[in-house]
N, C-alpha and C. Protein backbone atom coordinates (compact mmCIF):
# COMPACT_ATOMS: atom_id res chain seq x y z
N MET A 1 89.94 88.51 61.88
CA MET A 1 89.49 88.68 63.25
C MET A 1 89.46 90.16 63.64
N ALA A 2 90.48 90.90 63.22
CA ALA A 2 90.54 92.32 63.56
C ALA A 2 89.38 93.08 62.94
N GLY A 3 88.98 92.69 61.71
CA GLY A 3 87.86 93.34 61.05
C GLY A 3 86.57 93.17 61.84
N ALA A 4 86.37 91.99 62.39
CA ALA A 4 85.18 91.72 63.19
C ALA A 4 85.19 92.58 64.46
N LEU A 5 86.35 92.76 65.04
CA LEU A 5 86.48 93.57 66.25
C LEU A 5 86.14 95.03 65.95
N TRP A 6 86.64 95.55 64.82
CA TRP A 6 86.33 96.94 64.43
C TRP A 6 84.84 97.08 64.16
N SER A 7 84.24 96.08 63.52
CA SER A 7 82.80 96.12 63.24
C SER A 7 82.01 96.11 64.55
N LEU A 8 82.41 95.29 65.49
CA LEU A 8 81.75 95.24 66.79
C LEU A 8 81.87 96.59 67.51
N LEU A 9 83.03 97.22 67.41
CA LEU A 9 83.21 98.54 68.01
C LEU A 9 82.26 99.55 67.37
N GLY A 10 82.06 99.45 66.06
CA GLY A 10 81.10 100.32 65.38
C GLY A 10 79.69 100.12 65.88
N VAL A 11 79.30 98.87 66.09
CA VAL A 11 77.97 98.57 66.62
C VAL A 11 77.84 99.11 68.04
N LEU A 12 78.86 98.95 68.84
CA LEU A 12 78.85 99.45 70.21
C LEU A 12 78.73 100.97 70.23
N ALA A 13 79.49 101.64 69.36
CA ALA A 13 79.40 103.10 69.28
C ALA A 13 78.00 103.54 68.88
N GLY A 14 77.39 102.80 67.94
CA GLY A 14 76.02 103.11 67.55
C GLY A 14 75.05 102.93 68.70
N ALA A 15 75.26 101.91 69.50
CA ALA A 15 74.41 101.69 70.68
C ALA A 15 74.57 102.84 71.66
N PHE A 16 75.79 103.32 71.82
CA PHE A 16 76.02 104.46 72.72
C PHE A 16 75.28 105.70 72.24
N VAL A 17 75.24 105.91 70.93
CA VAL A 17 74.51 107.05 70.37
C VAL A 17 73.03 106.93 70.70
N ALA A 18 72.49 105.71 70.57
CA ALA A 18 71.07 105.48 70.86
C ALA A 18 70.76 105.72 72.33
N ILE A 19 71.70 105.42 73.20
CA ILE A 19 71.51 105.63 74.64
C ILE A 19 71.75 107.10 75.01
N GLN A 20 72.70 107.72 74.33
CA GLN A 20 73.04 109.12 74.63
C GLN A 20 71.86 110.06 74.38
N ALA A 21 71.13 109.85 73.30
CA ALA A 21 70.04 110.76 72.94
C ALA A 21 68.98 110.88 74.03
N PRO A 22 68.42 109.77 74.53
CA PRO A 22 67.41 109.94 75.59
C PRO A 22 68.00 110.44 76.92
N ILE A 23 69.25 110.12 77.19
CA ILE A 23 69.89 110.66 78.40
C ILE A 23 69.98 112.18 78.30
N ASN A 24 70.44 112.68 77.15
CA ASN A 24 70.54 114.13 76.96
C ASN A 24 69.16 114.78 76.93
N ALA A 25 68.16 114.08 76.37
CA ALA A 25 66.80 114.63 76.36
C ALA A 25 66.26 114.73 77.79
N GLN A 26 66.55 113.74 78.62
CA GLN A 26 66.11 113.79 80.02
C GLN A 26 66.82 114.92 80.76
N LEU A 27 68.10 115.11 80.47
CA LEU A 27 68.84 116.23 81.06
C LEU A 27 68.21 117.55 80.63
N ALA A 28 67.84 117.65 79.37
CA ALA A 28 67.20 118.88 78.86
C ALA A 28 65.88 119.16 79.57
N ARG A 29 65.09 118.10 79.79
CA ARG A 29 63.82 118.27 80.52
C ARG A 29 64.09 118.79 81.93
N GLY A 30 65.10 118.22 82.56
CA GLY A 30 65.42 118.64 83.92
C GLY A 30 65.92 120.07 83.98
N LEU A 31 66.73 120.45 83.01
CA LEU A 31 67.28 121.81 82.99
C LEU A 31 66.28 122.83 82.46
N GLY A 32 65.40 122.37 81.58
CA GLY A 32 64.43 123.29 80.98
C GLY A 32 64.96 124.03 79.77
N VAL A 33 66.21 123.77 79.38
CA VAL A 33 66.82 124.45 78.23
C VAL A 33 67.60 123.40 77.43
N PRO A 34 67.05 122.96 76.30
CA PRO A 34 67.70 121.90 75.53
C PRO A 34 69.15 122.20 75.11
N VAL A 35 69.41 123.43 74.73
CA VAL A 35 70.77 123.78 74.28
C VAL A 35 71.76 123.66 75.44
N ALA A 36 71.31 123.93 76.65
CA ALA A 36 72.19 123.78 77.82
C ALA A 36 72.57 122.32 78.01
N ALA A 37 71.62 121.42 77.77
CA ALA A 37 71.92 119.98 77.89
C ALA A 37 72.96 119.58 76.85
N ALA A 38 72.82 120.08 75.63
CA ALA A 38 73.81 119.79 74.58
C ALA A 38 75.18 120.34 74.97
N ALA A 39 75.20 121.53 75.53
CA ALA A 39 76.48 122.14 75.95
C ALA A 39 77.13 121.32 77.06
N ILE A 40 76.35 120.86 78.01
CA ILE A 40 76.89 120.04 79.10
C ILE A 40 77.41 118.71 78.55
N SER A 41 76.69 118.14 77.60
CA SER A 41 77.14 116.90 76.97
C SER A 41 78.52 117.10 76.34
N PHE A 42 78.68 118.19 75.62
CA PHE A 42 79.97 118.47 74.98
C PHE A 42 81.05 118.79 76.01
N LEU A 43 80.70 119.54 77.03
CA LEU A 43 81.68 119.89 78.06
C LEU A 43 82.19 118.65 78.78
N SER A 44 81.27 117.77 79.17
CA SER A 44 81.70 116.55 79.87
C SER A 44 82.52 115.66 78.94
N GLY A 45 82.11 115.57 77.68
CA GLY A 45 82.89 114.80 76.71
C GLY A 45 84.27 115.39 76.49
N ALA A 46 84.34 116.72 76.43
CA ALA A 46 85.64 117.38 76.24
C ALA A 46 86.57 117.12 77.43
N ILE A 47 86.02 117.13 78.61
CA ILE A 47 86.83 116.88 79.80
C ILE A 47 87.36 115.44 79.78
N VAL A 48 86.48 114.48 79.49
CA VAL A 48 86.91 113.08 79.43
C VAL A 48 87.98 112.89 78.35
N LEU A 49 87.74 113.43 77.15
CA LEU A 49 88.71 113.27 76.07
C LEU A 49 90.01 114.02 76.35
N GLY A 50 89.91 115.16 77.02
CA GLY A 50 91.12 115.89 77.40
C GLY A 50 91.99 115.06 78.34
N LEU A 51 91.36 114.41 79.30
CA LEU A 51 92.10 113.55 80.23
C LEU A 51 92.71 112.34 79.51
N VAL A 52 91.93 111.72 78.63
CA VAL A 52 92.44 110.57 77.87
C VAL A 52 93.62 111.00 77.00
N THR A 53 93.48 112.15 76.35
CA THR A 53 94.57 112.67 75.51
C THR A 53 95.82 112.94 76.35
N TYR A 54 95.64 113.57 77.48
CA TYR A 54 96.78 113.88 78.35
C TYR A 54 97.52 112.62 78.76
N PHE A 55 96.78 111.63 79.27
CA PHE A 55 97.43 110.42 79.75
C PHE A 55 98.00 109.57 78.62
N THR A 56 97.33 109.57 77.47
CA THR A 56 97.83 108.81 76.31
C THR A 56 99.13 109.41 75.79
N THR A 57 99.15 110.73 75.62
CA THR A 57 100.36 111.37 75.10
C THR A 57 101.52 111.25 76.09
N ARG A 58 101.22 111.37 77.37
CA ARG A 58 102.28 111.25 78.39
C ARG A 58 102.85 109.84 78.41
N SER A 59 101.97 108.84 78.40
CA SER A 59 102.44 107.46 78.53
C SER A 59 103.18 106.98 77.28
N GLN A 60 102.83 107.54 76.10
CA GLN A 60 103.46 107.12 74.85
C GLN A 60 104.54 108.09 74.38
N GLY A 61 104.77 109.14 75.12
CA GLY A 61 105.79 110.12 74.75
C GLY A 61 105.46 110.88 73.47
N LEU A 62 104.19 111.07 73.20
CA LEU A 62 103.76 111.76 71.98
C LEU A 62 103.66 113.26 72.22
N VAL A 63 103.85 114.02 71.14
CA VAL A 63 103.67 115.47 71.18
C VAL A 63 102.66 115.83 70.10
N ILE A 64 101.66 116.59 70.47
CA ILE A 64 100.63 117.00 69.51
C ILE A 64 101.17 118.13 68.65
N ASP A 65 101.03 118.00 67.34
CA ASP A 65 101.45 119.04 66.39
C ASP A 65 100.26 119.94 66.10
N TRP A 66 100.09 120.98 66.91
CA TRP A 66 98.93 121.86 66.81
C TRP A 66 98.93 122.70 65.53
N LYS A 67 100.08 122.82 64.88
CA LYS A 67 100.17 123.67 63.68
C LYS A 67 99.88 122.91 62.39
N ALA A 68 99.84 121.58 62.42
CA ALA A 68 99.70 120.78 61.19
C ALA A 68 98.30 120.87 60.56
N PRO A 69 97.23 120.72 61.32
CA PRO A 69 95.91 120.75 60.67
C PRO A 69 95.52 122.17 60.23
N ALA A 70 94.69 122.24 59.19
CA ALA A 70 94.13 123.52 58.77
C ALA A 70 93.27 124.07 59.91
N PRO A 71 93.28 125.37 60.13
CA PRO A 71 92.54 125.95 61.26
C PRO A 71 91.06 125.59 61.29
N TRP A 72 90.41 125.48 60.15
CA TRP A 72 88.97 125.19 60.15
C TRP A 72 88.66 123.82 60.71
N LEU A 73 89.64 122.89 60.65
CA LEU A 73 89.42 121.55 61.18
C LEU A 73 89.25 121.53 62.70
N PHE A 74 89.78 122.57 63.36
CA PHE A 74 89.64 122.64 64.82
C PHE A 74 88.21 122.97 65.25
N VAL A 75 87.41 123.50 64.33
CA VAL A 75 86.06 123.94 64.66
C VAL A 75 84.98 123.09 63.98
N ALA A 76 85.23 122.64 62.78
CA ALA A 76 84.18 122.01 61.96
C ALA A 76 83.56 120.78 62.63
N GLY A 77 84.37 119.86 63.09
CA GLY A 77 83.83 118.64 63.70
C GLY A 77 82.99 118.94 64.94
N GLY A 78 83.47 119.82 65.77
CA GLY A 78 82.71 120.19 66.97
C GLY A 78 81.42 120.90 66.64
N ALA A 79 81.44 121.77 65.63
CA ALA A 79 80.22 122.48 65.23
C ALA A 79 79.19 121.50 64.68
N LEU A 80 79.63 120.56 63.84
CA LEU A 80 78.71 119.55 63.32
C LEU A 80 78.17 118.67 64.45
N GLY A 81 79.04 118.31 65.37
CA GLY A 81 78.61 117.52 66.52
C GLY A 81 77.61 118.27 67.39
N ALA A 82 77.78 119.58 67.52
CA ALA A 82 76.85 120.39 68.31
C ALA A 82 75.46 120.38 67.67
N VAL A 83 75.42 120.45 66.35
CA VAL A 83 74.12 120.38 65.66
C VAL A 83 73.50 119.01 65.88
N TYR A 84 74.32 117.96 65.78
CA TYR A 84 73.81 116.60 66.00
C TYR A 84 73.25 116.43 67.41
N VAL A 85 74.01 116.80 68.42
CA VAL A 85 73.58 116.58 69.80
C VAL A 85 72.36 117.44 70.12
N THR A 86 72.36 118.69 69.69
CA THR A 86 71.21 119.56 69.95
C THR A 86 69.97 119.02 69.24
N SER A 87 70.12 118.57 68.00
CA SER A 87 68.99 117.99 67.26
C SER A 87 68.47 116.75 67.98
N SER A 88 69.37 115.92 68.48
CA SER A 88 68.96 114.72 69.20
C SER A 88 68.18 115.07 70.46
N VAL A 89 68.65 116.09 71.18
CA VAL A 89 67.96 116.52 72.39
C VAL A 89 66.55 117.01 72.06
N LEU A 90 66.42 117.74 70.96
CA LEU A 90 65.11 118.28 70.58
C LEU A 90 64.19 117.22 69.98
N LEU A 91 64.74 116.30 69.19
CA LEU A 91 63.91 115.34 68.47
C LEU A 91 63.52 114.11 69.27
N THR A 92 64.35 113.65 70.20
CA THR A 92 64.05 112.42 70.93
C THR A 92 62.68 112.45 71.60
N PRO A 93 62.33 113.51 72.34
CA PRO A 93 61.00 113.49 72.96
C PRO A 93 59.87 113.67 71.95
N ARG A 94 60.16 114.17 70.77
CA ARG A 94 59.12 114.44 69.78
C ARG A 94 58.83 113.25 68.87
N ILE A 95 59.87 112.52 68.46
CA ILE A 95 59.65 111.41 67.51
C ILE A 95 60.06 110.06 68.09
N GLY A 96 60.70 110.06 69.26
CA GLY A 96 61.13 108.81 69.89
C GLY A 96 62.56 108.44 69.51
N ALA A 97 63.17 107.64 70.35
CA ALA A 97 64.57 107.26 70.16
C ALA A 97 64.76 106.38 68.93
N ALA A 98 63.85 105.43 68.70
CA ALA A 98 64.02 104.51 67.56
C ALA A 98 63.91 105.25 66.23
N ALA A 99 62.90 106.12 66.09
CA ALA A 99 62.75 106.87 64.84
C ALA A 99 63.95 107.80 64.65
N LEU A 100 64.38 108.45 65.72
CA LEU A 100 65.54 109.33 65.61
C LEU A 100 66.76 108.55 65.13
N MET A 101 67.02 107.40 65.74
CA MET A 101 68.18 106.60 65.33
C MET A 101 68.06 106.17 63.87
N ALA A 102 66.85 105.81 63.45
CA ALA A 102 66.65 105.40 62.06
C ALA A 102 66.97 106.54 61.11
N PHE A 103 66.48 107.73 61.41
CA PHE A 103 66.76 108.88 60.54
C PHE A 103 68.23 109.28 60.60
N LEU A 104 68.83 109.18 61.77
CA LEU A 104 70.26 109.50 61.89
C LEU A 104 71.11 108.55 61.05
N VAL A 105 70.81 107.27 61.13
CA VAL A 105 71.57 106.29 60.35
C VAL A 105 71.35 106.53 58.86
N ALA A 106 70.11 106.83 58.47
CA ALA A 106 69.84 107.11 57.06
C ALA A 106 70.63 108.34 56.59
N GLY A 107 70.63 109.38 57.39
CA GLY A 107 71.39 110.58 57.05
C GLY A 107 72.89 110.31 57.00
N GLN A 108 73.38 109.52 57.95
CA GLN A 108 74.80 109.17 57.96
C GLN A 108 75.18 108.38 56.72
N LEU A 109 74.32 107.44 56.34
CA LEU A 109 74.60 106.63 55.16
C LEU A 109 74.61 107.47 53.89
N LEU A 110 73.62 108.33 53.73
CA LEU A 110 73.57 109.18 52.54
C LEU A 110 74.78 110.11 52.47
N ALA A 111 75.12 110.73 53.58
CA ALA A 111 76.30 111.61 53.60
C ALA A 111 77.58 110.80 53.38
N GLY A 112 77.64 109.62 53.97
CA GLY A 112 78.81 108.75 53.78
C GLY A 112 78.99 108.34 52.34
N MET A 113 77.88 108.06 51.66
CA MET A 113 77.96 107.69 50.25
C MET A 113 78.47 108.87 49.42
N LEU A 114 78.04 110.08 49.74
CA LEU A 114 78.52 111.27 49.05
C LEU A 114 80.01 111.48 49.29
N VAL A 115 80.44 111.33 50.54
CA VAL A 115 81.86 111.46 50.88
C VAL A 115 82.68 110.42 50.13
N ASP A 116 82.20 109.18 50.12
CA ASP A 116 82.91 108.10 49.40
C ASP A 116 82.98 108.39 47.90
N LYS A 117 81.87 108.80 47.32
CA LYS A 117 81.80 109.03 45.87
C LYS A 117 82.76 110.12 45.43
N ALA A 118 82.83 111.19 46.22
CA ALA A 118 83.67 112.33 45.86
C ALA A 118 85.09 112.23 46.41
N GLY A 119 85.30 111.34 47.37
CA GLY A 119 86.62 111.22 47.98
C GLY A 119 86.97 112.41 48.86
N TYR A 120 85.95 113.03 49.46
CA TYR A 120 86.18 114.18 50.33
C TYR A 120 87.02 113.80 51.55
N PHE A 121 87.79 114.76 52.04
CA PHE A 121 88.54 114.64 53.29
C PHE A 121 89.55 113.50 53.28
N GLY A 122 90.05 113.15 52.11
CA GLY A 122 91.09 112.13 52.01
C GLY A 122 90.57 110.70 52.06
N VAL A 123 89.26 110.52 51.97
CA VAL A 123 88.67 109.18 51.98
C VAL A 123 88.86 108.56 50.60
N ALA A 124 89.15 107.27 50.56
CA ALA A 124 89.29 106.58 49.28
C ALA A 124 87.97 106.64 48.51
N VAL A 125 88.06 106.88 47.21
CA VAL A 125 86.87 106.97 46.37
C VAL A 125 86.24 105.59 46.22
N ARG A 126 84.94 105.55 46.44
CA ARG A 126 84.16 104.32 46.25
C ARG A 126 82.95 104.69 45.42
N GLU A 127 82.80 104.03 44.31
CA GLU A 127 81.72 104.35 43.38
C GLU A 127 80.35 103.97 43.94
N LEU A 128 79.34 104.68 43.45
CA LEU A 128 77.97 104.34 43.80
C LEU A 128 77.55 103.14 42.96
N SER A 129 77.23 102.06 43.61
CA SER A 129 76.76 100.88 42.91
C SER A 129 75.24 100.79 43.07
N MET A 130 74.63 99.97 42.27
CA MET A 130 73.18 99.77 42.40
C MET A 130 72.85 99.22 43.80
N GLY A 131 73.70 98.34 44.30
CA GLY A 131 73.48 97.79 45.63
C GLY A 131 73.51 98.85 46.71
N ARG A 132 74.43 99.79 46.61
CA ARG A 132 74.51 100.88 47.58
C ARG A 132 73.28 101.78 47.50
N ILE A 133 72.86 102.09 46.29
CA ILE A 133 71.70 102.96 46.11
C ILE A 133 70.44 102.29 46.64
N VAL A 134 70.22 101.03 46.29
CA VAL A 134 69.05 100.29 46.76
C VAL A 134 69.10 100.14 48.28
N GLY A 135 70.28 99.85 48.83
CA GLY A 135 70.42 99.73 50.28
C GLY A 135 70.06 101.03 50.99
N ALA A 136 70.49 102.16 50.44
CA ALA A 136 70.16 103.45 51.03
C ALA A 136 68.66 103.71 50.95
N MET A 137 68.04 103.37 49.82
CA MET A 137 66.60 103.56 49.67
C MET A 137 65.84 102.69 50.66
N LEU A 138 66.29 101.45 50.84
CA LEU A 138 65.63 100.56 51.81
C LEU A 138 65.78 101.08 53.23
N LEU A 139 66.96 101.60 53.55
CA LEU A 139 67.17 102.14 54.89
C LEU A 139 66.28 103.35 55.13
N LEU A 140 66.18 104.23 54.14
CA LEU A 140 65.31 105.39 54.28
C LEU A 140 63.85 104.96 54.40
N ALA A 141 63.44 103.97 53.62
CA ALA A 141 62.06 103.45 53.72
C ALA A 141 61.83 102.86 55.10
N GLY A 142 62.82 102.13 55.60
CA GLY A 142 62.70 101.58 56.96
C GLY A 142 62.57 102.65 58.01
N ALA A 143 63.34 103.73 57.87
CA ALA A 143 63.27 104.84 58.82
C ALA A 143 61.87 105.46 58.81
N LEU A 144 61.32 105.62 57.61
CA LEU A 144 59.96 106.18 57.51
C LEU A 144 58.94 105.23 58.13
N MET A 145 59.11 103.94 57.93
CA MET A 145 58.18 102.97 58.52
C MET A 145 58.24 102.99 60.04
N ILE A 146 59.45 103.13 60.59
CA ILE A 146 59.60 103.18 62.05
C ILE A 146 58.90 104.43 62.59
N ARG A 147 58.99 105.52 61.87
CA ARG A 147 58.37 106.77 62.32
C ARG A 147 56.85 106.76 62.17
N ILE A 148 56.37 106.22 61.06
CA ILE A 148 54.94 106.30 60.76
C ILE A 148 54.13 105.22 61.46
N TYR A 149 54.69 104.01 61.59
CA TYR A 149 53.90 102.89 62.11
C TYR A 149 54.29 102.52 63.51
C-alpha cells in the first residue's frame, strides 16, 4: 500500500511540473523577461520551503547539520533546477506544454538510467536491461510524435 502511495505522489509531482511550466511562461510574458519569471519561481519556492523547514525542524526538535554535505551540493541542485525552470519558461510557448513535458520526461528517464547504471550520488546500481532500453526508445519516440504531430 505504501508503494502505491509513493507512486501516486510521483504522479502528482509530475502533474505539478506540467502545470508549473505554463504558469511560469505566463508570468514571463507578463514581466517581459523570462529569466525574471524563473527567478521569481525559485524565490517563492525558497520562501515556502524555508518556512516548511523552519516549522518542521522546530516541531520535531531537529537541528540541521550545515557542515555535513560537501559544499558543491549546496549549489548544484539549485543550479540544475534554474536551468530546468528557465528552459521550461522559454520552451512552453514555443513547443507547447505537452511536447515540453514529453521531452522532459524522456530526458529525466535517460539521465536516470545513467545514474542507475553508474550508481552516481549513492544510488543503488541497476543494470541496463533490454526492457529499459526499449522503454526509453519508445518514450523518446512518443515525445517526438507529440512534438511533430
